Amino acid sequence: MTEVNKVIYIVLALFLGSFGIHKFYAGKKLSGFLHLAFCWTFIPHLIAIISAIMTLFVPSDENGNIAV
């Protein structure tokens, strides 16, 4: 499990999620490359929006980090 900042992860997922930048930030290179490979479709952006919404409900620690 990798700890990432919750706010940065959500912002990256919303604005650059179709390119998989939030996955690269979380250390998940394979998922990032899959998002990047299919960025010409709407599917990675939809998955990124769902991921950002789900991350909103994950409680963060005292530093604002979450385990991804």
N, C-alpha and C. Protein backbone atom coordinates (compact mmCIF):
# COMPACT_ATOMS: atom_id res chain seq x y z
N MET A 1 0.83 -1.18 0.00
CA MET A 1 0.00 0.00 0.00
C MET A 1 0.88 1.24 0.00
N THR A 2 0.49 2.17 -0.81
CA THR A 2 1.21 3.43 -0.92
C THR A 2 0.38 4.54 -0.29
N GLU A 3 1.04 5.40 0.46
CA GLU A 3 0.34 6.54 1.03
C GLU A 3 0.50 7.74 0.11
N VAL A 4 -0.64 8.35 -0.22
CA VAL A 4 -0.64 9.55 -1.07
C VAL A 4 -1.51 10.61 -0.41
N ASN A 5 -1.28 11.85 -0.80
CA ASN A 5 -2.11 12.94 -0.30
C ASN A 5 -3.49 12.84 -0.94
N LYS A 6 -4.51 12.90 -0.13
CA LYS A 6 -5.88 12.71 -0.59
C LYS A 6 -6.31 13.80 -1.57
N VAL A 7 -6.02 15.05 -1.25
CA VAL A 7 -6.45 16.17 -2.10
C VAL A 7 -5.75 16.14 -3.45
N ILE A 8 -4.44 15.88 -3.43
CA ILE A 8 -3.70 15.83 -4.69
C ILE A 8 -4.19 14.69 -5.56
N TYR A 9 -4.45 13.53 -4.95
CA TYR A 9 -4.95 12.38 -5.70
C TYR A 9 -6.29 12.69 -6.36
N ILE A 10 -7.19 13.32 -5.64
CA ILE A 10 -8.52 13.65 -6.19
C ILE A 10 -8.40 14.67 -7.31
N VAL A 11 -7.57 15.69 -7.12
CA VAL A 11 -7.41 16.71 -8.16
C VAL A 11 -6.79 16.11 -9.42
N LEU A 12 -5.78 15.26 -9.25
CA LEU A 12 -5.18 14.60 -10.41
C LEU A 12 -6.17 13.69 -11.11
N ALA A 13 -6.99 12.99 -10.34
CA ALA A 13 -7.98 12.09 -10.94
C ALA A 13 -9.02 12.86 -11.73
N LEU A 14 -9.44 14.00 -11.22
CA LEU A 14 -10.48 14.77 -11.90
C LEU A 14 -9.96 15.47 -13.16
N PHE A 15 -8.77 16.04 -13.09
CA PHE A 15 -8.29 16.85 -14.21
C PHE A 15 -7.39 16.10 -15.19
N LEU A 16 -6.61 15.14 -14.71
CA LEU A 16 -5.70 14.40 -15.57
C LEU A 16 -5.95 12.90 -15.50
N GLY A 17 -7.12 12.52 -15.07
CA GLY A 17 -7.42 11.10 -14.89
C GLY A 17 -7.48 10.31 -16.16
N SER A 18 -7.84 10.93 -17.27
CA SER A 18 -7.92 10.19 -18.52
C SER A 18 -6.53 9.75 -18.98
N PHE A 19 -5.48 10.42 -18.51
CA PHE A 19 -4.11 10.03 -18.84
C PHE A 19 -3.47 9.15 -17.77
N GLY A 20 -4.18 8.89 -16.69
CA GLY A 20 -3.70 8.00 -15.64
C GLY A 20 -2.67 8.62 -14.71
N ILE A 21 -2.60 9.93 -14.67
CA ILE A 21 -1.60 10.60 -13.84
C ILE A 21 -1.81 10.28 -12.36
N HIS A 22 -3.05 10.15 -11.93
CA HIS A 22 -3.32 9.82 -10.52
C HIS A 22 -2.83 8.42 -10.18
N LYS A 23 -2.86 7.51 -11.14
CA LYS A 23 -2.35 6.16 -10.90
C LYS A 23 -0.83 6.15 -10.82
N PHE A 24 -0.18 6.92 -11.69
CA PHE A 24 1.28 7.04 -11.61
C PHE A 24 1.68 7.67 -10.27
N TYR A 25 0.93 8.66 -9.81
CA TYR A 25 1.19 9.31 -8.53
C TYR A 25 1.08 8.31 -7.38
N ALA A 26 0.15 7.38 -7.49
CA ALA A 26 -0.04 6.39 -6.44
C ALA A 26 0.92 5.21 -6.56
N GLY A 27 1.75 5.20 -7.60
CA GLY A 27 2.72 4.12 -7.76
C GLY A 27 2.19 2.91 -8.49
N LYS A 28 1.03 3.02 -9.11
CA LYS A 28 0.43 1.91 -9.84
C LYS A 28 0.70 2.12 -11.33
N LYS A 29 1.89 1.70 -11.75
CA LYS A 29 2.34 1.97 -13.11
C LYS A 29 1.53 1.23 -14.17
N LEU A 30 1.17 -0.01 -13.91
CA LEU A 30 0.41 -0.77 -14.90
C LEU A 30 -0.95 -0.14 -15.15
N SER A 31 -1.65 0.25 -14.11
CA SER A 31 -2.93 0.93 -14.27
C SER A 31 -2.76 2.27 -14.98
N GLY A 32 -1.68 2.96 -14.66
CA GLY A 32 -1.39 4.22 -15.33
C GLY A 32 -1.17 4.05 -16.81
N PHE A 33 -0.41 3.02 -17.19
CA PHE A 33 -0.19 2.77 -18.61
C PHE A 33 -1.46 2.33 -19.33
N LEU A 34 -2.33 1.59 -18.64
CA LEU A 34 -3.61 1.21 -19.25
C LEU A 34 -4.49 2.43 -19.48
N HIS A 35 -4.51 3.34 -18.52
CA HIS A 35 -5.26 4.58 -18.71
C HIS A 35 -4.68 5.37 -19.88
N LEU A 36 -3.37 5.41 -19.96
CA LEU A 36 -2.70 6.16 -21.01
C LEU A 36 -2.93 5.52 -22.38
N ALA A 37 -2.95 4.19 -22.43
CA ALA A 37 -3.15 3.50 -23.70
C ALA A 37 -4.56 3.71 -24.25
N PHE A 38 -5.53 3.85 -23.37
CA PHE A 38 -6.92 4.01 -23.81
C PHE A 38 -7.45 5.43 -23.60
N CYS A 39 -6.53 6.41 -23.51
CA CYS A 39 -6.96 7.77 -23.24
C CYS A 39 -7.79 8.37 -24.37
N TRP A 40 -7.74 7.79 -25.55
CA TRP A 40 -8.52 8.29 -26.67
C TRP A 40 -10.00 7.93 -26.53
N THR A 41 -10.33 7.04 -25.60
CA THR A 41 -11.73 6.72 -25.32
C THR A 41 -12.16 7.49 -24.08
N PHE A 42 -13.41 7.42 -23.75
CA PHE A 42 -13.92 8.10 -22.56
C PHE A 42 -13.84 7.22 -21.32
N ILE A 43 -13.52 5.96 -21.49
CA ILE A 43 -13.54 4.99 -20.40
C ILE A 43 -12.56 5.34 -19.27
N PRO A 44 -11.27 5.66 -19.54
CA PRO A 44 -10.37 6.00 -18.43
C PRO A 44 -10.82 7.24 -17.65
N HIS A 45 -11.39 8.20 -18.34
CA HIS A 45 -11.86 9.40 -17.63
C HIS A 45 -13.04 9.06 -16.72
N LEU A 46 -13.92 8.21 -17.18
CA LEU A 46 -15.05 7.77 -16.36
C LEU A 46 -14.55 7.00 -15.13
N ILE A 47 -13.59 6.13 -15.33
CA ILE A 47 -13.02 5.37 -14.21
C ILE A 47 -12.33 6.31 -13.23
N ALA A 48 -11.66 7.33 -13.74
CA ALA A 48 -10.97 8.29 -12.87
C ALA A 48 -11.96 9.11 -12.05
N ILE A 49 -13.07 9.49 -12.65
CA ILE A 49 -14.10 10.23 -11.90
C ILE A 49 -14.68 9.36 -10.79
N ILE A 50 -14.95 8.11 -11.10
CA ILE A 50 -15.47 7.18 -10.08
C ILE A 50 -14.44 6.99 -8.98
N SER A 51 -13.17 6.88 -9.36
CA SER A 51 -12.10 6.73 -8.37
C SER A 51 -12.00 7.95 -7.47
N ALA A 52 -12.15 9.14 -8.05
CA ALA A 52 -12.10 10.38 -7.25
C ALA A 52 -13.27 10.44 -6.27
N ILE A 53 -14.45 10.06 -6.72
CA ILE A 53 -15.62 10.07 -5.85
C ILE A 53 -15.46 9.07 -4.71
N MET A 54 -14.95 7.88 -5.02
CA MET A 54 -14.75 6.88 -3.98
C MET A 54 -13.69 7.34 -2.98
N THR A 55 -12.68 8.06 -3.45
CA THR A 55 -11.63 8.54 -2.57
C THR A 55 -12.13 9.61 -1.61
N LEU A 56 -13.16 10.35 -2.01
CA LEU A 56 -13.73 11.36 -1.12
C LEU A 56 -14.22 10.76 0.19
N PHE A 57 -14.69 9.52 0.14
CA PHE A 57 -15.28 8.90 1.32
C PHE A 57 -14.27 8.10 2.15
N VAL A 58 -13.01 8.06 1.72
CA VAL A 58 -11.98 7.36 2.49
C VAL A 58 -11.43 8.32 3.53
N PRO A 59 -11.44 7.93 4.79
CA PRO A 59 -10.92 8.84 5.83
C PRO A 59 -9.39 8.96 5.72
N SER A 60 -8.91 10.16 5.90
CA SER A 60 -7.47 10.39 5.82
C SER A 60 -6.87 10.46 7.22
N ASP A 61 -5.55 10.33 7.28
CA ASP A 61 -4.90 10.42 8.58
C ASP A 61 -4.68 11.89 8.95
N GLU A 62 -3.94 12.13 10.02
CA GLU A 62 -3.77 13.51 10.49
C GLU A 62 -2.96 14.37 9.52
N ASN A 63 -2.21 13.75 8.61
CA ASN A 63 -1.45 14.49 7.62
C ASN A 63 -2.19 14.67 6.30
N GLY A 64 -3.37 14.13 6.19
CA GLY A 64 -4.16 14.22 4.97
C GLY A 64 -3.84 13.14 3.96
N ASN A 65 -3.17 12.08 4.39
CA ASN A 65 -2.78 10.99 3.49
C ASN A 65 -3.77 9.83 3.59
N ILE A 66 -3.86 9.11 2.49
CA ILE A 66 -4.66 7.89 2.45
C ILE A 66 -3.81 6.76 1.88
N ALA A 67 -4.17 5.54 2.18
CA ALA A 67 -3.49 4.37 1.63
C ALA A 67 -4.23 3.93 0.38
N VAL A 68 -3.47 3.87 -0.72
CA VAL A 68 -4.07 3.48 -2.00
C VAL A 68 -3.48 2.14 -2.40
